[in-house]
Amino acid sequence: MRRLKRTIRREMWYILFLVPGFLLFMLAVFVPLVMGARYSFTDWDGISQKITYIGWDNYVKAFTDNDMWVVLINTFKYAFILTVLVNLLALFFALLLDSYLPLRNLFRTVFFLPSVISVVLAGFVWSYNYSQGFPKLLQYFNLDVTSPLGNPDYALFGLIVVAVWQGVGAPMIIYIAGLQGIPGELVESARMDGAGPLRTLWNITLPLLAPAVTINLLMVLTGSLKVFDLVYVTTQGGPGFATEVMSTFIYKTAFSSFKAGYGMALSMIFFVVLVIVTIAQISIFRRREVDL
């Protein structure tokens, strides 16, 4: 019994260090989540003191709302294309800059710098580039172009270009760190056995990079699904619903249309979607790592 008390007293100090983080998590994540779930069953407008509970009406309305499905498709289209492009380019640059390339440290810095810039600033800069910079530059080559952000067919892809430009840097660094952790003896043995660069990449490099691939895919996909600031400062969801994503749709519904209850229901649905996507992605790629 004394030994148990002594152990509890000794471990109590470690538990005390967890208390500030636990309280911060409760106040910043758990309490707002519970309150949002509560308001999602009401018709609250976000301002008045009167709150009327309406049961599951907001959720029924959400699943029969055509706009929500359009926005959800836009969100997944943006996230899927961005995740694929960012990871392919980041892996390509990592393989290139991990070799004996002259000035490779300078190039690493250049590719990483856009990720340091705030998303809001990047959005304003690229909005100007699309509307003024590129059209004026291409006029010298007798090319008449307009901003893709004003065209419903190309606006989403215009945002993807901005996000790729800014999002390649951090995954590239993670891939470089993974490449530097691969034992050089394995690569040399493969070359001595007659394996070419592509076979070495496919059979040795990529399997050993599996943890880095999992981390980057998870980070980029979850981050792109929650995109808000880039869309809001560039197109605000326009033209029409061409670039409207779930985060901006929820914001406009809750705060611009004064339908906070319905907006909370949308956010709860989107929260469940994010949890499902994250769990599915982690389980699939962790299993893939074991197989490799």
C-alpha atoms as a PDB file:
ATOM      1  CA  MET A   1       0.000   0.000   0.000  1.00  0.00           C
ATOM      2  CA  ARG A   2       2.836   2.377   0.838  1.00  0.00           C
ATOM      3  CA  ARG A   3       4.517   1.581  -2.443  1.00  0.00           C
ATOM      4  CA  LEU A   4       1.264   2.370  -4.276  1.00  0.00           C
ATOM      5  CA  LYS A   5       0.902   5.699  -2.493  1.00  0.00           C
ATOM      6  CA  ARG A   6       4.535   6.521  -3.194  1.00  0.00           C
ATOM      7  CA  THR A   7       4.036   5.722  -6.891  1.00  0.00           C
ATOM      8  CA  ILE A   8       0.895   7.856  -7.081  1.00  0.00           C
ATOM      9  CA  ARG A   9       2.661  10.746  -5.358  1.00  0.00           C
ATOM     10  CA  ARG A  10       5.608  10.455  -7.734  1.00  0.00           C
ATOM     11  CA  GLU A  11       3.454  10.267 -10.860  1.00  0.00           C
ATOM     12  CA  MET A  12       1.206  13.114  -9.718  1.00  0.00           C
ATOM     13  CA  TRP A  13       3.811  15.666 -10.789  1.00  0.00           C
ATOM     14  CA  TYR A  14       3.635  14.415 -14.360  1.00  0.00           C
ATOM     15  CA  ILE A  15      -0.154  14.624 -14.307  1.00  0.00           C
ATOM     16  CA  LEU A  16      -0.015  18.233 -13.102  1.00  0.00           C
ATOM     17  CA  PHE A  17       1.957  19.183 -16.199  1.00  0.00           C
ATOM     18  CA  LEU A  18      -0.896  17.835 -18.333  1.00  0.00           C
ATOM     19  CA  VAL A  19      -3.553  19.945 -16.609  1.00  0.00           C
ATOM     20  CA  PRO A  20      -2.946  23.245 -18.531  1.00  0.00           C
ATOM     21  CA  GLY A  21      -3.070  21.486 -21.888  1.00  0.00           C
ATOM     22  CA  PHE A  22      -6.146  19.531 -20.856  1.00  0.00           C
ATOM     23  CA  LEU A  23      -7.961  22.677 -19.704  1.00  0.00           C
ATOM     24  CA  LEU A  24      -7.036  24.473 -22.935  1.00  0.00           C
ATOM     25  CA  PHE A  25      -8.368  21.550 -24.966  1.00  0.00           C
ATOM     26  CA  MET A  26     -11.610  21.543 -22.983  1.00  0.00           C
ATOM     27  CA  LEU A  27     -12.164  25.302 -23.356  1.00  0.00           C
ATOM     28  CA  ALA A  28     -11.075  25.628 -26.985  1.00  0.00           C
ATOM     29  CA  VAL A  29     -12.345  22.353 -28.471  1.00  0.00           C
ATOM     30  CA  PHE A  30     -14.679  20.287 -26.310  1.00  0.00           C
ATOM     31  CA  VAL A  31     -16.929  23.025 -24.878  1.00  0.00           C
ATOM     32  CA  PRO A  32     -17.486  24.766 -28.274  1.00  0.00           C
ATOM     33  CA  LEU A  33     -18.185  21.373 -29.848  1.00  0.00           C
ATOM     34  CA  VAL A  34     -20.835  20.546 -27.240  1.00  0.00           C
ATOM     35  CA  MET A  35     -22.396  24.007 -27.504  1.00  0.00           C
ATOM     36  CA  GLY A  36     -22.423  23.798 -31.309  1.00  0.00           C
ATOM     37  CA  ALA A  37     -24.121  20.394 -31.145  1.00  0.00           C
ATOM     38  CA  ARG A  38     -26.732  21.873 -28.811  1.00  0.00           C
ATOM     39  CA  TYR A  39     -27.443  24.881 -31.032  1.00  0.00           C
ATOM     40  CA  SER A  40     -27.710  22.653 -34.110  1.00  0.00           C
ATOM     41  CA  PHE A  41     -31.084  21.448 -32.800  1.00  0.00           C
ATOM     42  CA  THR A  42     -32.468  25.004 -32.600  1.00  0.00           C
ATOM     43  CA  ASP A  43     -33.589  27.765 -34.952  1.00  0.00           C
ATOM     44  CA  TRP A  44     -31.286  30.308 -33.282  1.00  0.00           C
ATOM     45  CA  ASP A  45     -30.363  33.266 -35.472  1.00  0.00           C
ATOM     46  CA  GLY A  46     -27.087  33.940 -33.660  1.00  0.00           C
ATOM     47  CA  ILE A  47     -28.250  37.185 -32.060  1.00  0.00           C
ATOM     48  CA  SER A  48     -31.522  36.888 -30.154  1.00  0.00           C
ATOM     49  CA  GLN A  49     -31.826  35.498 -26.660  1.00  0.00           C
ATOM     50  CA  LYS A  50     -34.770  33.340 -27.655  1.00  0.00           C
ATOM     51  CA  ILE A  51     -33.866  29.780 -28.634  1.00  0.00           C
ATOM     52  CA  THR A  52     -36.462  27.316 -29.885  1.00  0.00           C
ATOM     53  CA  TYR A  53     -35.622  23.639 -30.150  1.00  0.00           C
ATOM     54  CA  ILE A  54     -36.771  22.138 -33.444  1.00  0.00           C
ATOM     55  CA  GLY A  55     -35.308  18.649 -33.167  1.00  0.00           C
ATOM     56  CA  TRP A  56     -33.699  17.166 -36.268  1.00  0.00           C
ATOM     57  CA  ASP A  57     -35.214  19.668 -38.714  1.00  0.00           C
ATOM     58  CA  ASN A  58     -31.859  21.344 -39.444  1.00  0.00           C
ATOM     59  CA  TYR A  59     -30.249  18.022 -40.293  1.00  0.00           C
ATOM     60  CA  VAL A  60     -33.143  16.972 -42.512  1.00  0.00           C
ATOM     61  CA  LYS A  61     -32.946  20.334 -44.273  1.00  0.00           C
ATOM     62  CA  ALA A  62     -29.169  19.952 -44.716  1.00  0.00           C
ATOM     63  CA  PHE A  63     -29.396  16.567 -46.413  1.00  0.00           C
ATOM     64  CA  THR A  64     -32.112  17.842 -48.764  1.00  0.00           C
ATOM     65  CA  ASP A  65     -30.261  21.091 -49.511  1.00  0.00           C
ATOM     66  CA  ASN A  66     -28.887  20.973 -53.066  1.00  0.00           C
ATOM     67  CA  ASP A  67     -26.499  23.840 -52.306  1.00  0.00           C
ATOM     68  CA  MET A  68     -24.834  21.837 -49.547  1.00  0.00           C
ATOM     69  CA  TRP A  69     -24.148  18.936 -51.894  1.00  0.00           C
ATOM     70  CA  VAL A  70     -22.701  21.262 -54.538  1.00  0.00           C
ATOM     71  CA  VAL A  71     -20.463  22.846 -51.917  1.00  0.00           C
ATOM     72  CA  LEU A  72     -19.405  19.457 -50.551  1.00  0.00           C
ATOM     73  CA  ILE A  73     -18.457  18.278 -54.053  1.00  0.00           C
ATOM     74  CA  ASN A  74     -16.435  21.484 -54.569  1.00  0.00           C
ATOM     75  CA  THR A  75     -14.650  20.891 -51.276  1.00  0.00           C
ATOM     76  CA  PHE A  76     -13.655  17.314 -52.080  1.00  0.00           C
ATOM     77  CA  LYS A  77     -12.683  18.211 -55.655  1.00  0.00           C
ATOM     78  CA  TYR A  78     -10.417  20.976 -54.362  1.00  0.00           C
ATOM     79  CA  ALA A  79      -8.959  18.764 -51.622  1.00  0.00           C
ATOM     80  CA  PHE A  80      -8.327  15.727 -53.842  1.00  0.00           C
ATOM     81  CA  ILE A  81      -6.657  17.632 -56.690  1.00  0.00           C
ATOM     82  CA  LEU A  82      -4.586  19.721 -54.282  1.00  0.00           C
ATOM     83  CA  THR A  83      -3.454  16.689 -52.275  1.00  0.00           C
ATOM     84  CA  VAL A  84      -2.309  14.819 -55.384  1.00  0.00           C
ATOM     85  CA  LEU A  85      -0.523  17.780 -56.967  1.00  0.00           C
ATOM     86  CA  VAL A  86       1.188  18.971 -53.779  1.00  0.00           C
ATOM     87  CA  ASN A  87       2.518  15.528 -52.904  1.00  0.00           C
ATOM     88  CA  LEU A  88       3.700  14.720 -56.420  1.00  0.00           C
ATOM     89  CA  LEU A  89       5.509  18.044 -56.772  1.00  0.00           C
ATOM     90  CA  ALA A  90       6.893  17.904 -53.235  1.00  0.00           C
ATOM     91  CA  LEU A  91       8.241  14.397 -53.820  1.00  0.00           C
ATOM     92  CA  PHE A  92       9.742  15.426 -57.162  1.00  0.00           C
ATOM     93  CA  PHE A  93      11.484  18.458 -55.664  1.00  0.00           C
ATOM     94  CA  ALA A  94      12.657  16.403 -52.684  1.00  0.00           C
ATOM     95  CA  LEU A  95      14.236  13.777 -54.943  1.00  0.00           C
ATOM     96  CA  LEU A  96      15.830  16.526 -57.021  1.00  0.00           C
ATOM     97  CA  LEU A  97      17.140  18.547 -54.080  1.00  0.00           C
ATOM     98  CA  ASP A  98      18.361  15.517 -52.146  1.00  0.00           C
ATOM     99  CA  SER A  99      20.821  14.749 -54.934  1.00  0.00           C
ATOM    100  CA  TYR A 100      24.148  16.454 -55.494  1.00  0.00           C
ATOM    101  CA  LEU A 101      22.571  19.456 -57.185  1.00  0.00           C
ATOM    102  CA  PRO A 102      24.569  22.711 -57.129  1.00  0.00           C
ATOM    103  CA  LEU A 103      22.997  25.361 -54.853  1.00  0.00           C
ATOM    104  CA  ARG A 104      20.481  22.821 -53.571  1.00  0.00           C
ATOM    105  CA  ASN A 105      20.236  24.571 -50.191  1.00  0.00           C
ATOM    106  CA  LEU A 106      19.334  27.802 -51.950  1.00  0.00           C
ATOM    107  CA  PHE A 107      16.645  26.036 -53.969  1.00  0.00           C
ATOM    108  CA  ARG A 108      15.262  24.411 -50.825  1.00  0.00           C
ATOM    109  CA  THR A 109      14.885  27.848 -49.279  1.00  0.00           C
ATOM    110  CA  VAL A 110      13.257  29.268 -52.413  1.00  0.00           C
ATOM    111  CA  PHE A 111      10.678  26.460 -52.582  1.00  0.00           C
ATOM    112  CA  PHE A 112       9.965  26.695 -48.852  1.00  0.00           C
ATOM    113  CA  LEU A 113       9.562  30.488 -48.679  1.00  0.00           C
ATOM    114  CA  PRO A 114       5.952  30.635 -50.032  1.00  0.00           C
ATOM    115  CA  SER A 115       4.764  28.511 -47.112  1.00  0.00           C
ATOM    116  CA  VAL A 116       6.036  31.199 -44.715  1.00  0.00           C
ATOM    117  CA  ILE A 117       3.784  33.847 -46.271  1.00  0.00           C
ATOM    118  CA  SER A 118       0.323  34.158 -44.738  1.00  0.00           C
ATOM    119  CA  VAL A 119      -2.546  32.734 -46.754  1.00  0.00           C
ATOM    120  CA  VAL A 120      -4.346  36.090 -46.734  1.00  0.00           C
ATOM    121  CA  LEU A 121      -1.340  37.889 -48.204  1.00  0.00           C
ATOM    122  CA  ALA A 122      -0.835  35.155 -50.788  1.00  0.00           C
ATOM    123  CA  GLY A 123      -4.491  35.431 -51.763  1.00  0.00           C
ATOM    124  CA  PHE A 124      -4.260  39.185 -52.312  1.00  0.00           C
ATOM    125  CA  VAL A 125      -0.998  38.866 -54.255  1.00  0.00           C
ATOM    126  CA  TRP A 126      -2.344  36.186 -56.576  1.00  0.00           C
ATOM    127  CA  SER A 127      -5.634  38.026 -57.053  1.00  0.00           C
ATOM    128  CA  TYR A 128      -3.597  40.961 -58.349  1.00  0.00           C
ATOM    129  CA  ASN A 129      -1.451  38.654 -60.481  1.00  0.00           C
ATOM    130  CA  TYR A 130      -4.506  37.063 -62.044  1.00  0.00           C
ATOM    131  CA  SER A 131      -6.321  40.342 -62.700  1.00  0.00           C
ATOM    132  CA  GLN A 132      -3.418  42.704 -63.536  1.00  0.00           C
ATOM    133  CA  GLY A 133       0.010  41.073 -63.589  1.00  0.00           C
ATOM    134  CA  PHE A 134      -0.371  38.105 -65.920  1.00  0.00           C
ATOM    135  CA  PRO A 135      -2.739  39.803 -68.429  1.00  0.00           C
ATOM    136  CA  LYS A 136      -0.396  42.780 -68.825  1.00  0.00           C
ATOM    137  CA  LEU A 137       2.626  40.512 -69.136  1.00  0.00           C
ATOM    138  CA  LEU A 138       0.997  38.304 -71.750  1.00  0.00           C
ATOM    139  CA  GLN A 139      -0.108  41.320 -73.771  1.00  0.00           C
ATOM    140  CA  TYR A 140       3.505  41.655 -74.885  1.00  0.00           C
ATOM    141  CA  PHE A 141       3.095  38.252 -76.560  1.00  0.00           C
ATOM    142  CA  ASN A 142      -0.223  39.284 -78.147  1.00  0.00           C
ATOM    143  CA  LEU A 143      -2.177  37.031 -75.803  1.00  0.00           C
ATOM    144  CA  ASP A 144      -5.458  38.287 -74.376  1.00  0.00           C
ATOM    145  CA  VAL A 145      -6.246  36.520 -71.098  1.00  0.00           C
ATOM    146  CA  THR A 146      -8.481  37.309 -68.147  1.00  0.00           C
ATOM    147  CA  SER A 147      -8.425  36.248 -64.527  1.00  0.00           C
ATOM    148  CA  PRO A 148      -9.539  32.638 -64.030  1.00  0.00           C
ATOM    149  CA  LEU A 149     -11.085  33.675 -60.706  1.00  0.00           C
ATOM    150  CA  GLY A 150     -13.874  35.410 -62.635  1.00  0.00           C
ATOM    151  CA  ASN A 151     -14.674  32.368 -64.754  1.00  0.00           C
ATOM    152  CA  PRO A 152     -16.892  29.706 -63.121  1.00  0.00           C
ATOM    153  CA  ASP A 153     -15.191  26.976 -65.163  1.00  0.00           C
ATOM    154  CA  TYR A 154     -11.655  27.827 -64.043  1.00  0.00           C
ATOM    155  CA  ALA A 155     -12.015  29.657 -60.720  1.00  0.00           C
ATOM    156  CA  LEU A 156     -11.518  26.553 -58.568  1.00  0.00           C
ATOM    157  CA  PHE A 157      -8.409  25.566 -60.529  1.00  0.00           C
ATOM    158  CA  GLY A 158      -7.088  29.105 -60.121  1.00  0.00           C
ATOM    159  CA  LEU A 159      -7.324  28.677 -56.359  1.00  0.00           C
ATOM    160  CA  ILE A 160      -5.630  25.283 -56.587  1.00  0.00           C
ATOM    161  CA  VAL A 161      -2.656  26.886 -58.353  1.00  0.00           C
ATOM    162  CA  VAL A 162      -2.273  29.359 -55.476  1.00  0.00           C
ATOM    163  CA  ALA A 163      -2.582  26.607 -52.869  1.00  0.00           C
ATOM    164  CA  VAL A 164      -0.038  24.401 -54.657  1.00  0.00           C
ATOM    165  CA  TRP A 165       2.420  27.294 -54.934  1.00  0.00           C
ATOM    166  CA  GLN A 166       2.162  27.900 -51.203  1.00  0.00           C
ATOM    167  CA  GLY A 167       1.737  24.336 -50.003  1.00  0.00           C
ATOM    168  CA  VAL A 168       4.630  22.460 -51.606  1.00  0.00           C
ATOM    169  CA  GLY A 169       7.351  23.682 -49.232  1.00  0.00           C
ATOM    170  CA  ALA A 170       6.470  21.898 -45.968  1.00  0.00           C
ATOM    171  CA  PRO A 171       5.783  18.446 -47.519  1.00  0.00           C
ATOM    172  CA  MET A 172       9.002  18.801 -49.514  1.00  0.00           C
ATOM    173  CA  ILE A 173      11.008  19.240 -46.301  1.00  0.00           C
ATOM    174  CA  ILE A 174       9.345  16.169 -44.790  1.00  0.00           C
ATOM    175  CA  TYR A 175      10.156  14.115 -47.882  1.00  0.00           C
ATOM    176  CA  ILE A 176      13.774  15.330 -47.822  1.00  0.00           C
ATOM    177  CA  ALA A 177      14.045  14.282 -44.177  1.00  0.00           C
ATOM    178  CA  GLY A 178      12.643  10.864 -45.087  1.00  0.00           C
ATOM    179  CA  LEU A 179      15.087  10.482 -47.975  1.00  0.00           C
ATOM    180  CA  GLN A 180      18.015  11.348 -45.756  1.00  0.00           C
ATOM    181  CA  GLY A 181      16.902   8.614 -43.361  1.00  0.00           C
ATOM    182  CA  ILE A 182      17.155   5.904 -46.024  1.00  0.00           C
ATOM    183  CA  PRO A 183      20.400   3.909 -45.628  1.00  0.00           C
ATOM    184  CA  GLY A 184      22.689   4.533 -48.563  1.00  0.00           C
ATOM    185  CA  GLU A 185      23.815   0.894 -48.509  1.00  0.00           C
ATOM    186  CA  LEU A 186      20.403  -0.228 -49.763  1.00  0.00           C
ATOM    187  CA  VAL A 187      20.517   2.094 -52.753  1.00  0.00           C
ATOM    188  CA  GLU A 188      24.098   1.090 -53.549  1.00  0.00           C
ATOM    189  CA  SER A 189      23.231  -2.611 -53.295  1.00  0.00           C
ATOM    190  CA  ALA A 190      20.315  -2.129 -55.687  1.00  0.00           C
ATOM    191  CA  ARG A 191      22.546  -0.371 -58.191  1.00  0.00           C
ATOM    192  CA  MET A 192      25.170  -3.094 -57.930  1.00  0.00           C
ATOM    193  CA  ASP A 193      22.475  -5.671 -58.638  1.00  0.00           C
ATOM    194  CA  GLY A 194      21.618  -3.860 -61.857  1.00  0.00           C
ATOM    195  CA  ALA A 195      18.517  -1.944 -60.746  1.00  0.00           C
ATOM    196  CA  GLY A 196      17.940   1.274 -62.643  1.00  0.00           C
ATOM    197  CA  PRO A 197      16.847   4.593 -61.104  1.00  0.00           C
ATOM    198  CA  LEU A 198      13.127   3.932 -61.614  1.00  0.00           C
ATOM    199  CA  ARG A 199      13.263   0.425 -60.157  1.00  0.00           C
ATOM    200  CA  THR A 200      15.295   1.671 -57.204  1.00  0.00           C
ATOM    201  CA  LEU A 201      12.773   4.442 -56.637  1.00  0.00           C
ATOM    202  CA  TRP A 202       9.800   2.087 -56.826  1.00  0.00           C
ATOM    203  CA  ASN A 203      11.166  -0.866 -54.840  1.00  0.00           C
ATOM    204  CA  ILE A 204      13.356   0.854 -52.228  1.00  0.00           C
ATOM    205  CA  THR A 205      12.839   4.594 -51.933  1.00  0.00           C
ATOM    206  CA  LEU A 206       9.038   4.787 -51.993  1.00  0.00           C
ATOM    207  CA  PRO A 207       8.443   1.886 -49.542  1.00  0.00           C
ATOM    208  CA  LEU A 208      10.881   3.420 -47.059  1.00  0.00           C
ATOM    209  CA  LEU A 209       9.202   6.807 -47.557  1.00  0.00           C
ATOM    210  CA  ALA A 210       5.793   5.377 -46.610  1.00  0.00           C
ATOM    211  CA  PRO A 211       5.635   7.111 -43.175  1.00  0.00           C
ATOM    212  CA  ALA A 212       6.450  10.475 -44.774  1.00  0.00           C
ATOM    213  CA  VAL A 213       3.832   9.864 -47.460  1.00  0.00           C
ATOM    214  CA  THR A 214       1.221   9.076 -44.805  1.00  0.00           C
ATOM    215  CA  ILE A 215       2.007  12.233 -42.839  1.00  0.00           C
ATOM    216  CA  ASN A 216       1.959  14.488 -45.894  1.00  0.00           C
ATOM    217  CA  LEU A 217      -1.226  13.041 -47.328  1.00  0.00           C
ATOM    218  CA  LEU A 218      -2.966  13.402 -43.986  1.00  0.00           C
ATOM    219  CA  MET A 219      -1.767  16.965 -43.430  1.00  0.00           C
ATOM    220  CA  VAL A 220      -2.546  18.208 -46.932  1.00  0.00           C
ATOM    221  CA  LEU A 221      -5.918  16.482 -47.236  1.00  0.00           C
ATOM    222  CA  THR A 222      -7.286  17.557 -43.861  1.00  0.00           C
ATOM    223  CA  GLY A 223      -5.942  21.080 -44.307  1.00  0.00           C
ATOM    224  CA  SER A 224      -7.426  21.455 -47.792  1.00  0.00           C
ATOM    225  CA  LEU A 225     -10.810  20.142 -46.666  1.00  0.00           C
ATOM    226  CA  LYS A 226     -10.921  22.894 -44.034  1.00  0.00           C
ATOM    227  CA  VAL A 227      -9.820  25.685 -46.393  1.00  0.00           C
ATOM    228  CA  PHE A 228     -11.429  29.032 -45.623  1.00  0.00           C
ATOM    229  CA  ASP A 229      -9.101  32.025 -45.724  1.00  0.00           C
ATOM    230  CA  LEU A 230      -7.801  31.557 -49.278  1.00  0.00           C
ATOM    231  CA  VAL A 231     -11.312  31.257 -50.708  1.00  0.00           C
ATOM    232  CA  TYR A 232     -12.678  34.117 -48.636  1.00  0.00           C
ATOM    233  CA  VAL A 233     -10.010  36.694 -49.570  1.00  0.00           C
ATOM    234  CA  THR A 234      -9.948  35.823 -53.279  1.00  0.00           C
ATOM    235  CA  THR A 235     -13.413  34.861 -54.505  1.00  0.00           C
ATOM    236  CA  GLN A 236     -15.647  34.647 -51.403  1.00  0.00           C
ATOM    237  CA  GLY A 237     -17.119  31.516 -52.945  1.00  0.00           C
ATOM    238  CA  GLY A 238     -17.906  33.066 -56.324  1.00  0.00           C
ATOM    239  CA  PRO A 239     -18.565  33.387 -59.125  1.00  0.00           C
ATOM    240  CA  GLY A 240     -21.850  31.757 -58.250  1.00  0.00           C
ATOM    241  CA  PHE A 241     -21.052  28.612 -56.290  1.00  0.00           C
ATOM    242  CA  ALA A 242     -17.971  27.765 -58.349  1.00  0.00           C
ATOM    243  CA  THR A 243     -15.492  28.076 -55.452  1.00  0.00           C
ATOM    244  CA  GLU A 244     -17.830  27.793 -52.482  1.00  0.00           C
ATOM    245  CA  VAL A 245     -16.466  25.297 -49.944  1.00  0.00           C
ATOM    246  CA  MET A 246     -17.951  23.969 -46.741  1.00  0.00           C
ATOM    247  CA  SER A 247     -16.132  26.379 -44.430  1.00  0.00           C
ATOM    248  CA  THR A 248     -17.248  29.500 -46.301  1.00  0.00           C
ATOM    249  CA  PHE A 249     -20.744  28.081 -46.781  1.00  0.00           C
ATOM    250  CA  ILE A 250     -21.092  27.439 -43.049  1.00  0.00           C
ATOM    251  CA  TYR A 251     -19.743  30.916 -42.247  1.00  0.00           C
ATOM    252  CA  LYS A 252     -22.157  32.665 -44.609  1.00  0.00           C
ATOM    253  CA  THR A 253     -25.098  30.589 -43.401  1.00  0.00           C
ATOM    254  CA  ALA A 254     -24.419  31.194 -39.721  1.00  0.00           C
ATOM    255  CA  PHE A 255     -23.258  34.827 -39.719  1.00  0.00           C
ATOM    256  CA  SER A 256     -24.378  36.457 -42.975  1.00  0.00           C
ATOM    257  CA  SER A 257     -27.774  34.802 -43.345  1.00  0.00           C
ATOM    258  CA  PHE A 258     -28.340  34.749 -39.558  1.00  0.00           C
ATOM    259  CA  LYS A 259     -29.127  31.042 -39.497  1.00  0.00           C
ATOM    260  CA  ALA A 260     -26.789  30.027 -36.711  1.00  0.00           C
ATOM    261  CA  GLY A 261     -28.739  26.909 -35.825  1.00  0.00           C
ATOM    262  CA  TYR A 262     -28.660  25.624 -39.378  1.00  0.00           C
ATOM    263  CA  GLY A 263     -25.012  26.640 -39.697  1.00  0.00           C
ATOM    264  CA  MET A 264     -24.170  24.621 -36.575  1.00  0.00           C
ATOM    265  CA  ALA A 265     -25.931  21.606 -38.061  1.00  0.00           C
ATOM    266  CA  LEU A 266     -23.848  21.965 -41.215  1.00  0.00           C
ATOM    267  CA  SER A 267     -20.677  22.233 -39.141  1.00  0.00           C
ATOM    268  CA  MET A 268     -21.583  19.075 -37.175  1.00  0.00           C
ATOM    269  CA  ILE A 269     -22.130  17.169 -40.422  1.00  0.00           C
ATOM    270  CA  PHE A 270     -18.838  18.438 -41.787  1.00  0.00           C
ATOM    271  CA  PHE A 271     -17.090  17.513 -38.537  1.00  0.00           C
ATOM    272  CA  VAL A 272     -18.323  13.929 -38.852  1.00  0.00           C
ATOM    273  CA  VAL A 273     -17.176  13.843 -42.500  1.00  0.00           C
ATOM    274  CA  LEU A 274     -13.696  15.038 -41.492  1.00  0.00           C
ATOM    275  CA  VAL A 275     -13.444  12.431 -38.736  1.00  0.00           C
ATOM    276  CA  ILE A 276     -14.476   9.639 -41.117  1.00  0.00           C
ATOM    277  CA  VAL A 277     -12.032  10.767 -43.818  1.00  0.00           C
ATOM    278  CA  THR A 278      -9.168  11.074 -41.318  1.00  0.00           C
ATOM    279  CA  ILE A 279      -9.757   7.684 -39.701  1.00  0.00           C
ATOM    280  CA  ALA A 280     -10.152   5.978 -43.085  1.00  0.00           C
ATOM    281  CA  GLN A 281      -7.000   7.580 -44.443  1.00  0.00           C
ATOM    282  CA  ILE A 282      -4.901   6.697 -41.401  1.00  0.00           C
ATOM    283  CA  SER A 283      -6.105   3.087 -41.325  1.00  0.00           C
ATOM    284  CA  ILE A 284      -5.549   2.569 -45.062  1.00  0.00           C
ATOM    285  CA  PHE A 285      -2.066   4.047 -45.196  1.00  0.00           C
ATOM    286  CA  ARG A 286      -0.905   2.513 -41.909  1.00  0.00           C
ATOM    287  CA  ARG A 287      -1.953  -0.881 -43.240  1.00  0.00           C
ATOM    288  CA  ARG A 288      -0.144  -0.063 -46.474  1.00  0.00           C
ATOM    289  CA  GLU A 289       3.019   0.771 -44.509  1.00  0.00           C
ATOM    290  CA  VAL A 290       2.896  -2.639 -42.843  1.00  0.00           C
ATOM    291  CA  ASP A 291       2.435  -4.382 -46.195  1.00  0.00           C
ATOM    292  CA  LEU A 292       5.416  -2.519 -47.643  1.00  0.00           C
END
